[in-house]
mmCIF file of all heavy atoms, coordinates in Angstrom:
data_MODEL
# 
_entry.id   MODEL 
# 
loop_
_atom_site.group_PDB 
_atom_site.id 
_atom_site.type_symbol 
_atom_site.label_atom_id 
_atom_site.label_alt_id 
_atom_site.label_comp_id 
_atom_site.label_asym_id 
_atom_site.label_entity_id 
_atom_site.label_seq_id 
_atom_site.pdbx_PDB_ins_code 
_atom_site.Cartn_x 
_atom_site.Cartn_y 
_atom_site.Cartn_z 
_atom_site.occupancy 
_atom_site.B_iso_or_equiv 
_atom_site.pdbx_formal_charge 
_atom_site.auth_seq_id 
_atom_site.auth_comp_id 
_atom_site.auth_asym_id 
_atom_site.auth_atom_id 
_atom_site.pdbx_PDB_model_num 
ATOM 1   N N   . VAL A 1 1  ? -38.080 63.953 -32.186 1.00 0.00 ? 1  VAL A N   1 
ATOM 2   C CA  . VAL A 1 1  ? -37.850 64.335 -30.792 1.00 0.00 ? 1  VAL A CA  1 
ATOM 3   C C   . VAL A 1 1  ? -38.981 65.221 -30.306 1.00 0.00 ? 1  VAL A C   1 
ATOM 4   O O   . VAL A 1 1  ? -39.418 66.074 -31.051 1.00 0.00 ? 1  VAL A O   1 
ATOM 5   C CB  . VAL A 1 1  ? -36.519 65.140 -30.652 1.00 0.00 ? 1  VAL A CB  1 
ATOM 6   C CG1 . VAL A 1 1  ? -36.270 65.531 -29.255 1.00 0.00 ? 1  VAL A CG1 1 
ATOM 7   C CG2 . VAL A 1 1  ? -35.366 64.307 -31.159 1.00 0.00 ? 1  VAL A CG2 1 
ATOM 8   N N   . THR A 1 2  ? -39.419 64.947 -29.114 1.00 0.00 ? 2  THR A N   1 
ATOM 9   C CA  . THR A 1 2  ? -40.464 65.781 -28.429 1.00 0.00 ? 2  THR A CA  1 
ATOM 10  C C   . THR A 1 2  ? -39.723 66.509 -27.264 1.00 0.00 ? 2  THR A C   1 
ATOM 11  O O   . THR A 1 2  ? -38.885 66.029 -26.612 1.00 0.00 ? 2  THR A O   1 
ATOM 12  C CB  . THR A 1 2  ? -41.575 64.899 -27.846 1.00 0.00 ? 2  THR A CB  1 
ATOM 13  O OG1 . THR A 1 2  ? -42.211 64.252 -28.991 1.00 0.00 ? 2  THR A OG1 1 
ATOM 14  C CG2 . THR A 1 2  ? -42.587 65.761 -27.106 1.00 0.00 ? 2  THR A CG2 1 
ATOM 15  N N   . ILE A 1 3  ? -40.078 67.882 -27.173 1.00 0.00 ? 3  ILE A N   1 
ATOM 16  C CA  . ILE A 1 3  ? -39.385 68.668 -26.165 1.00 0.00 ? 3  ILE A CA  1 
ATOM 17  C C   . ILE A 1 3  ? -40.570 69.273 -25.242 1.00 0.00 ? 3  ILE A C   1 
ATOM 18  O O   . ILE A 1 3  ? -41.426 69.956 -25.739 1.00 0.00 ? 3  ILE A O   1 
ATOM 19  C CB  . ILE A 1 3  ? -38.551 69.836 -26.829 1.00 0.00 ? 3  ILE A CB  1 
ATOM 20  C CG1 . ILE A 1 3  ? -37.566 69.138 -27.783 1.00 0.00 ? 3  ILE A CG1 1 
ATOM 21  C CG2 . ILE A 1 3  ? -37.907 70.601 -25.719 1.00 0.00 ? 3  ILE A CG2 1 
ATOM 22  C CD1 . ILE A 1 3  ? -36.674 70.219 -28.454 1.00 0.00 ? 3  ILE A CD1 1 
ATOM 23  N N   . ASP A 1 4  ? -40.398 68.993 -23.970 1.00 0.00 ? 4  ASP A N   1 
ATOM 24  C CA  . ASP A 1 4  ? -41.378 69.435 -22.994 1.00 0.00 ? 4  ASP A CA  1 
ATOM 25  C C   . ASP A 1 4  ? -40.809 70.555 -22.091 1.00 0.00 ? 4  ASP A C   1 
ATOM 26  O O   . ASP A 1 4  ? -39.707 70.506 -21.662 1.00 0.00 ? 4  ASP A O   1 
ATOM 27  C CB  . ASP A 1 4  ? -41.756 68.272 -22.092 1.00 0.00 ? 4  ASP A CB  1 
ATOM 28  C CG  . ASP A 1 4  ? -42.691 67.303 -22.694 1.00 0.00 ? 4  ASP A CG  1 
ATOM 29  O OD1 . ASP A 1 4  ? -43.150 67.544 -23.833 1.00 0.00 ? 4  ASP A OD1 1 
ATOM 30  O OD2 . ASP A 1 4  ? -43.094 66.317 -21.980 1.00 0.00 ? 4  ASP A OD2 1 
ATOM 31  N N   . ALA A 1 5  ? -41.729 71.577 -21.815 1.00 0.00 ? 5  ALA A N   1 
ATOM 32  C CA  . ALA A 1 5  ? -41.402 72.585 -20.845 1.00 0.00 ? 5  ALA A CA  1 
ATOM 33  C C   . ALA A 1 5  ? -41.434 71.948 -19.491 1.00 0.00 ? 5  ALA A C   1 
ATOM 34  O O   . ALA A 1 5  ? -42.220 71.003 -19.194 1.00 0.00 ? 5  ALA A O   1 
ATOM 35  C CB  . ALA A 1 5  ? -42.313 73.736 -20.881 1.00 0.00 ? 5  ALA A CB  1 
ATOM 36  N N   . GLY A 1 6  ? -40.564 72.414 -18.536 1.00 0.00 ? 6  GLY A N   1 
ATOM 37  C CA  . GLY A 1 6  ? -40.634 71.949 -17.167 1.00 0.00 ? 6  GLY A CA  1 
ATOM 38  C C   . GLY A 1 6  ? -41.438 72.977 -16.227 1.00 0.00 ? 6  GLY A C   1 
ATOM 39  O O   . GLY A 1 6  ? -42.075 73.909 -16.715 1.00 0.00 ? 6  GLY A O   1 
ATOM 40  N N   . THR A 1 7  ? -41.352 72.717 -14.934 1.00 0.00 ? 7  THR A N   1 
ATOM 41  C CA  . THR A 1 7  ? -42.178 73.544 -14.057 1.00 0.00 ? 7  THR A CA  1 
ATOM 42  C C   . THR A 1 7  ? -41.543 74.921 -13.754 1.00 0.00 ? 7  THR A C   1 
ATOM 43  O O   . THR A 1 7  ? -42.300 75.791 -13.225 1.00 0.00 ? 7  THR A O   1 
ATOM 44  C CB  . THR A 1 7  ? -42.288 72.764 -12.685 1.00 0.00 ? 7  THR A CB  1 
ATOM 45  O OG1 . THR A 1 7  ? -40.970 72.502 -12.128 1.00 0.00 ? 7  THR A OG1 1 
ATOM 46  C CG2 . THR A 1 7  ? -43.039 71.446 -12.833 1.00 0.00 ? 7  THR A CG2 1 
ATOM 47  N N   . LYS A 1 8  ? -40.330 75.174 -14.055 1.00 0.00 ? 8  LYS A N   1 
ATOM 48  C CA  . LYS A 1 8  ? -39.731 76.470 -14.013 1.00 0.00 ? 8  LYS A CA  1 
ATOM 49  C C   . LYS A 1 8  ? -39.551 76.943 -15.390 1.00 0.00 ? 8  LYS A C   1 
ATOM 50  O O   . LYS A 1 8  ? -39.177 76.269 -16.303 1.00 0.00 ? 8  LYS A O   1 
ATOM 51  C CB  . LYS A 1 8  ? -38.353 76.420 -13.310 1.00 0.00 ? 8  LYS A CB  1 
ATOM 52  C CG  . LYS A 1 8  ? -37.705 77.716 -13.137 1.00 0.00 ? 8  LYS A CG  1 
ATOM 53  C CD  . LYS A 1 8  ? -36.384 77.646 -12.370 1.00 0.00 ? 8  LYS A CD  1 
ATOM 54  C CE  . LYS A 1 8  ? -35.689 79.045 -12.242 1.00 0.00 ? 8  LYS A CE  1 
ATOM 55  N NZ  . LYS A 1 8  ? -34.408 78.935 -11.504 1.00 0.00 ? 8  LYS A NZ  1 
ATOM 56  N N   . GLU A 1 9  ? -39.888 78.254 -15.594 1.00 0.00 ? 9  GLU A N   1 
ATOM 57  C CA  . GLU A 1 9  ? -39.949 78.839 -16.970 1.00 0.00 ? 9  GLU A CA  1 
ATOM 58  C C   . GLU A 1 9  ? -38.615 78.708 -17.716 1.00 0.00 ? 9  GLU A C   1 
ATOM 59  O O   . GLU A 1 9  ? -37.568 79.175 -17.172 1.00 0.00 ? 9  GLU A O   1 
ATOM 60  C CB  . GLU A 1 9  ? -40.512 80.248 -16.961 1.00 0.00 ? 9  GLU A CB  1 
ATOM 61  C CG  . GLU A 1 9  ? -40.677 80.815 -18.393 1.00 0.00 ? 9  GLU A CG  1 
ATOM 62  C CD  . GLU A 1 9  ? -41.241 82.160 -18.407 1.00 0.00 ? 9  GLU A CD  1 
ATOM 63  O OE1 . GLU A 1 9  ? -42.474 82.204 -18.290 1.00 0.00 ? 9  GLU A OE1 1 
ATOM 64  O OE2 . GLU A 1 9  ? -40.570 83.156 -18.630 1.00 0.00 ? 9  GLU A OE2 1 
ATOM 65  N N   . SER A 1 10 ? -38.646 78.233 -18.913 1.00 0.00 ? 10 SER A N   1 
ATOM 66  C CA  . SER A 1 10 ? -37.541 78.232 -19.823 1.00 0.00 ? 10 SER A CA  1 
ATOM 67  C C   . SER A 1 10 ? -37.773 79.452 -20.815 1.00 0.00 ? 10 SER A C   1 
ATOM 68  O O   . SER A 1 10 ? -38.875 79.652 -21.233 1.00 0.00 ? 10 SER A O   1 
ATOM 69  C CB  . SER A 1 10 ? -37.439 76.962 -20.614 1.00 0.00 ? 10 SER A CB  1 
ATOM 70  O OG  . SER A 1 10 ? -37.175 75.844 -19.835 1.00 0.00 ? 10 SER A OG  1 
ATOM 71  N N   . PRO A 1 11 ? -36.657 80.142 -21.118 1.00 0.00 ? 11 PRO A N   1 
ATOM 72  C CA  . PRO A 1 11 ? -36.811 81.220 -22.126 1.00 0.00 ? 11 PRO A CA  1 
ATOM 73  C C   . PRO A 1 11 ? -37.268 80.742 -23.515 1.00 0.00 ? 11 PRO A C   1 
ATOM 74  O O   . PRO A 1 11 ? -37.889 81.348 -24.198 1.00 0.00 ? 11 PRO A O   1 
ATOM 75  C CB  . PRO A 1 11 ? -35.467 81.880 -22.069 1.00 0.00 ? 11 PRO A CB  1 
ATOM 76  C CG  . PRO A 1 11 ? -34.458 80.811 -21.589 1.00 0.00 ? 11 PRO A CG  1 
ATOM 77  C CD  . PRO A 1 11 ? -35.271 80.003 -20.601 1.00 0.00 ? 11 PRO A CD  1 
ATOM 78  N N   . VAL A 1 12 ? -36.776 79.488 -23.820 1.00 0.00 ? 12 VAL A N   1 
ATOM 79  C CA  . VAL A 1 12 ? -37.039 78.885 -25.108 1.00 0.00 ? 12 VAL A CA  1 
ATOM 80  C C   . VAL A 1 12 ? -36.733 77.368 -24.883 1.00 0.00 ? 12 VAL A C   1 
ATOM 81  O O   . VAL A 1 12 ? -36.024 76.923 -24.068 1.00 0.00 ? 12 VAL A O   1 
ATOM 82  C CB  . VAL A 1 12 ? -36.188 79.467 -26.278 1.00 0.00 ? 12 VAL A CB  1 
ATOM 83  C CG1 . VAL A 1 12 ? -34.700 79.259 -25.938 1.00 0.00 ? 12 VAL A CG1 1 
ATOM 84  C CG2 . VAL A 1 12 ? -36.543 78.922 -27.596 1.00 0.00 ? 12 VAL A CG2 1 
ATOM 85  N N   . LEU A 1 13 ? -37.406 76.561 -25.721 1.00 0.00 ? 13 LEU A N   1 
ATOM 86  C CA  . LEU A 1 13 ? -37.214 75.075 -25.625 1.00 0.00 ? 13 LEU A CA  1 
ATOM 87  C C   . LEU A 1 13 ? -36.263 74.581 -26.655 1.00 0.00 ? 13 LEU A C   1 
ATOM 88  O O   . LEU A 1 13 ? -35.554 73.584 -26.441 1.00 0.00 ? 13 LEU A O   1 
ATOM 89  C CB  . LEU A 1 13 ? -38.598 74.345 -25.689 1.00 0.00 ? 13 LEU A CB  1 
ATOM 90  C CG  . LEU A 1 13 ? -39.594 74.705 -24.622 1.00 0.00 ? 13 LEU A CG  1 
ATOM 91  C CD1 . LEU A 1 13 ? -40.903 73.906 -24.839 1.00 0.00 ? 13 LEU A CD1 1 
ATOM 92  C CD2 . LEU A 1 13 ? -39.043 74.437 -23.254 1.00 0.00 ? 13 LEU A CD2 1 
ATOM 93  N N   . LEU A 1 14 ? -36.215 75.185 -27.817 1.00 0.00 ? 14 LEU A N   1 
ATOM 94  C CA  . LEU A 1 14 ? -35.219 74.896 -28.939 1.00 0.00 ? 14 LEU A CA  1 
ATOM 95  C C   . LEU A 1 14 ? -34.956 76.201 -29.618 1.00 0.00 ? 14 LEU A C   1 
ATOM 96  O O   . LEU A 1 14 ? -35.811 76.799 -30.127 1.00 0.00 ? 14 LEU A O   1 
ATOM 97  C CB  . LEU A 1 14 ? -35.762 73.814 -29.862 1.00 0.00 ? 14 LEU A CB  1 
ATOM 98  C CG  . LEU A 1 14 ? -34.985 73.526 -31.120 1.00 0.00 ? 14 LEU A CG  1 
ATOM 99  C CD1 . LEU A 1 14 ? -33.613 73.022 -30.754 1.00 0.00 ? 14 LEU A CD1 1 
ATOM 100 C CD2 . LEU A 1 14 ? -35.650 72.565 -32.026 1.00 0.00 ? 14 LEU A CD2 1 
ATOM 101 N N   . GLU A 1 15 ? -33.662 76.467 -29.683 1.00 0.00 ? 15 GLU A N   1 
ATOM 102 C CA  . GLU A 1 15 ? -33.189 77.690 -30.363 1.00 0.00 ? 15 GLU A CA  1 
ATOM 103 C C   . GLU A 1 15 ? -32.270 77.241 -31.496 1.00 0.00 ? 15 GLU A C   1 
ATOM 104 O O   . GLU A 1 15 ? -31.261 76.582 -31.268 1.00 0.00 ? 15 GLU A O   1 
ATOM 105 C CB  . GLU A 1 15 ? -32.539 78.654 -29.423 1.00 0.00 ? 15 GLU A CB  1 
ATOM 106 C CG  . GLU A 1 15 ? -32.052 79.965 -30.028 1.00 0.00 ? 15 GLU A CG  1 
ATOM 107 C CD  . GLU A 1 15 ? -31.466 80.888 -29.129 1.00 0.00 ? 15 GLU A CD  1 
ATOM 108 O OE1 . GLU A 1 15 ? -30.744 80.526 -28.097 1.00 0.00 ? 15 GLU A OE1 1 
ATOM 109 O OE2 . GLU A 1 15 ? -31.718 82.184 -29.253 1.00 0.00 ? 15 GLU A OE2 1 
ATOM 110 N N   . VAL A 1 16 ? -32.496 77.694 -32.660 1.00 0.00 ? 16 VAL A N   1 
ATOM 111 C CA  . VAL A 1 16 ? -31.730 77.434 -33.918 1.00 0.00 ? 16 VAL A CA  1 
ATOM 112 C C   . VAL A 1 16 ? -30.973 78.736 -34.235 1.00 0.00 ? 16 VAL A C   1 
ATOM 113 O O   . VAL A 1 16 ? -31.576 79.665 -34.753 1.00 0.00 ? 16 VAL A O   1 
ATOM 114 C CB  . VAL A 1 16 ? -32.539 76.882 -35.012 1.00 0.00 ? 16 VAL A CB  1 
ATOM 115 C CG1 . VAL A 1 16 ? -31.669 76.594 -36.241 1.00 0.00 ? 16 VAL A CG1 1 
ATOM 116 C CG2 . VAL A 1 16 ? -33.353 75.636 -34.582 1.00 0.00 ? 16 VAL A CG2 1 
ATOM 117 N N   . GLY A 1 17 ? -29.763 78.725 -34.011 1.00 0.00 ? 17 GLY A N   1 
ATOM 118 C CA  . GLY A 1 17 ? -28.885 79.908 -34.280 1.00 0.00 ? 17 GLY A CA  1 
ATOM 119 C C   . GLY A 1 17 ? -29.059 80.999 -33.156 1.00 0.00 ? 17 GLY A C   1 
ATOM 120 O O   . GLY A 1 17 ? -30.010 80.936 -32.444 1.00 0.00 ? 17 GLY A O   1 
ATOM 121 N N   . LYS A 1 18 ? -28.158 81.967 -33.190 1.00 0.00 ? 18 LYS A N   1 
ATOM 122 C CA  . LYS A 1 18 ? -28.282 83.105 -32.264 1.00 0.00 ? 18 LYS A CA  1 
ATOM 123 C C   . LYS A 1 18 ? -28.840 84.314 -33.016 1.00 0.00 ? 18 LYS A C   1 
ATOM 124 O O   . LYS A 1 18 ? -28.625 84.445 -34.201 1.00 0.00 ? 18 LYS A O   1 
ATOM 125 C CB  . LYS A 1 18 ? -26.888 83.407 -31.702 1.00 0.00 ? 18 LYS A CB  1 
ATOM 126 C CG  . LYS A 1 18 ? -26.381 82.312 -30.715 1.00 0.00 ? 18 LYS A CG  1 
ATOM 127 C CD  . LYS A 1 18 ? -27.251 82.247 -29.451 1.00 0.00 ? 18 LYS A CD  1 
ATOM 128 C CE  . LYS A 1 18 ? -26.633 81.302 -28.446 1.00 0.00 ? 18 LYS A CE  1 
ATOM 129 N NZ  . LYS A 1 18 ? -27.597 81.185 -27.301 1.00 0.00 ? 18 LYS A NZ  1 
ATOM 130 N N   . LYS A 1 19 ? -29.503 85.123 -32.263 1.00 0.00 ? 19 LYS A N   1 
ATOM 131 C CA  . LYS A 1 19 ? -30.064 86.386 -32.875 1.00 0.00 ? 19 LYS A CA  1 
ATOM 132 C C   . LYS A 1 19 ? -28.887 87.365 -33.044 1.00 0.00 ? 19 LYS A C   1 
ATOM 133 O O   . LYS A 1 19 ? -28.463 88.029 -32.053 1.00 0.00 ? 19 LYS A O   1 
ATOM 134 C CB  . LYS A 1 19 ? -31.139 86.932 -31.993 1.00 0.00 ? 19 LYS A CB  1 
ATOM 135 C CG  . LYS A 1 19 ? -31.935 88.066 -32.723 1.00 0.00 ? 19 LYS A CG  1 
ATOM 136 C CD  . LYS A 1 19 ? -33.176 88.458 -31.957 1.00 0.00 ? 19 LYS A CD  1 
ATOM 137 C CE  . LYS A 1 19 ? -33.967 89.501 -32.654 1.00 0.00 ? 19 LYS A CE  1 
ATOM 138 N NZ  . LYS A 1 19 ? -35.202 89.900 -31.941 1.00 0.00 ? 19 LYS A NZ  1 
ATOM 139 N N   . ASN A 1 20 ? -28.380 87.467 -34.223 1.00 0.00 ? 20 ASN A N   1 
ATOM 140 C CA  . ASN A 1 20 ? -27.230 88.338 -34.450 1.00 0.00 ? 20 ASN A CA  1 
ATOM 141 C C   . ASN A 1 20 ? -27.695 89.744 -34.979 1.00 0.00 ? 20 ASN A C   1 
ATOM 142 O O   . ASN A 1 20 ? -28.745 89.907 -35.459 1.00 0.00 ? 20 ASN A O   1 
ATOM 143 C CB  . ASN A 1 20 ? -26.343 87.689 -35.553 1.00 0.00 ? 20 ASN A CB  1 
ATOM 144 C CG  . ASN A 1 20 ? -25.787 86.358 -35.098 1.00 0.00 ? 20 ASN A CG  1 
ATOM 145 O OD1 . ASN A 1 20 ? -25.343 86.261 -33.897 1.00 0.00 ? 20 ASN A OD1 1 
ATOM 146 N ND2 . ASN A 1 20 ? -25.763 85.415 -35.953 1.00 0.00 ? 20 ASN A ND2 1 
ATOM 147 N N   . GLY A 1 21 ? -26.722 90.626 -34.968 1.00 0.00 ? 21 GLY A N   1 
ATOM 148 C CA  . GLY A 1 21 ? -26.979 91.949 -35.589 1.00 0.00 ? 21 GLY A CA  1 
ATOM 149 C C   . GLY A 1 21 ? -26.961 91.801 -37.153 1.00 0.00 ? 21 GLY A C   1 
ATOM 150 O O   . GLY A 1 21 ? -26.673 90.747 -37.675 1.00 0.00 ? 21 GLY A O   1 
ATOM 151 N N   . ASN A 1 22 ? -27.376 92.882 -37.804 1.00 0.00 ? 22 ASN A N   1 
ATOM 152 C CA  . ASN A 1 22 ? -27.533 92.811 -39.264 1.00 0.00 ? 22 ASN A CA  1 
ATOM 153 C C   . ASN A 1 22 ? -26.198 92.472 -39.927 1.00 0.00 ? 22 ASN A C   1 
ATOM 154 O O   . ASN A 1 22 ? -26.215 92.071 -41.110 1.00 0.00 ? 22 ASN A O   1 
ATOM 155 C CB  . ASN A 1 22 ? -28.096 94.153 -39.716 1.00 0.00 ? 22 ASN A CB  1 
ATOM 156 C CG  . ASN A 1 22 ? -29.481 94.363 -39.336 1.00 0.00 ? 22 ASN A CG  1 
ATOM 157 O OD1 . ASN A 1 22 ? -30.258 93.444 -39.021 1.00 0.00 ? 22 ASN A OD1 1 
ATOM 158 N ND2 . ASN A 1 22 ? -29.952 95.647 -39.152 1.00 0.00 ? 22 ASN A ND2 1 
ATOM 159 N N   . ASN A 1 23 ? -25.070 92.809 -39.328 1.00 0.00 ? 23 ASN A N   1 
ATOM 160 C CA  . ASN A 1 23 ? -23.748 92.551 -40.009 1.00 0.00 ? 23 ASN A CA  1 
ATOM 161 C C   . ASN A 1 23 ? -23.123 91.194 -39.667 1.00 0.00 ? 23 ASN A C   1 
ATOM 162 O O   . ASN A 1 23 ? -22.065 90.912 -40.189 1.00 0.00 ? 23 ASN A O   1 
ATOM 163 C CB  . ASN A 1 23 ? -22.824 93.713 -39.608 1.00 0.00 ? 23 ASN A CB  1 
ATOM 164 C CG  . ASN A 1 23 ? -23.312 95.076 -40.055 1.00 0.00 ? 23 ASN A CG  1 
ATOM 165 O OD1 . ASN A 1 23 ? -23.871 95.173 -41.135 1.00 0.00 ? 23 ASN A OD1 1 
ATOM 166 N ND2 . ASN A 1 23 ? -23.028 96.118 -39.267 1.00 0.00 ? 23 ASN A ND2 1 
ATOM 167 N N   . SER A 1 24 ? -23.842 90.425 -38.901 1.00 0.00 ? 24 SER A N   1 
ATOM 168 C CA  . SER A 1 24 ? -23.292 89.120 -38.547 1.00 0.00 ? 24 SER A CA  1 
ATOM 169 C C   . SER A 1 24 ? -23.778 88.038 -39.519 1.00 0.00 ? 24 SER A C   1 
ATOM 170 O O   . SER A 1 24 ? -24.948 88.050 -39.847 1.00 0.00 ? 24 SER A O   1 
ATOM 171 C CB  . SER A 1 24 ? -23.730 88.771 -37.066 1.00 0.00 ? 24 SER A CB  1 
ATOM 172 O OG  . SER A 1 24 ? -23.234 89.692 -36.167 1.00 0.00 ? 24 SER A OG  1 
ATOM 173 N N   . PRO A 1 25 ? -22.845 87.203 -39.967 1.00 0.00 ? 25 PRO A N   1 
ATOM 174 C CA  . PRO A 1 25 ? -23.292 86.149 -40.934 1.00 0.00 ? 25 PRO A CA  1 
ATOM 175 C C   . PRO A 1 25 ? -24.135 85.102 -40.286 1.00 0.00 ? 25 PRO A C   1 
ATOM 176 O O   . PRO A 1 25 ? -23.976 84.750 -39.055 1.00 0.00 ? 25 PRO A O   1 
ATOM 177 C CB  . PRO A 1 25 ? -21.927 85.566 -41.395 1.00 0.00 ? 25 PRO A CB  1 
ATOM 178 C CG  . PRO A 1 25 ? -21.023 85.861 -40.230 1.00 0.00 ? 25 PRO A CG  1 
ATOM 179 C CD  . PRO A 1 25 ? -21.394 87.138 -39.656 1.00 0.00 ? 25 PRO A CD  1 
# 
């Protein structure tokens, strides 16, 4: 798969998992 940015800014194009705190699995 190829992922392209568009003309309005995206914060990220592909995110794997959420940024959790140190105690989150």
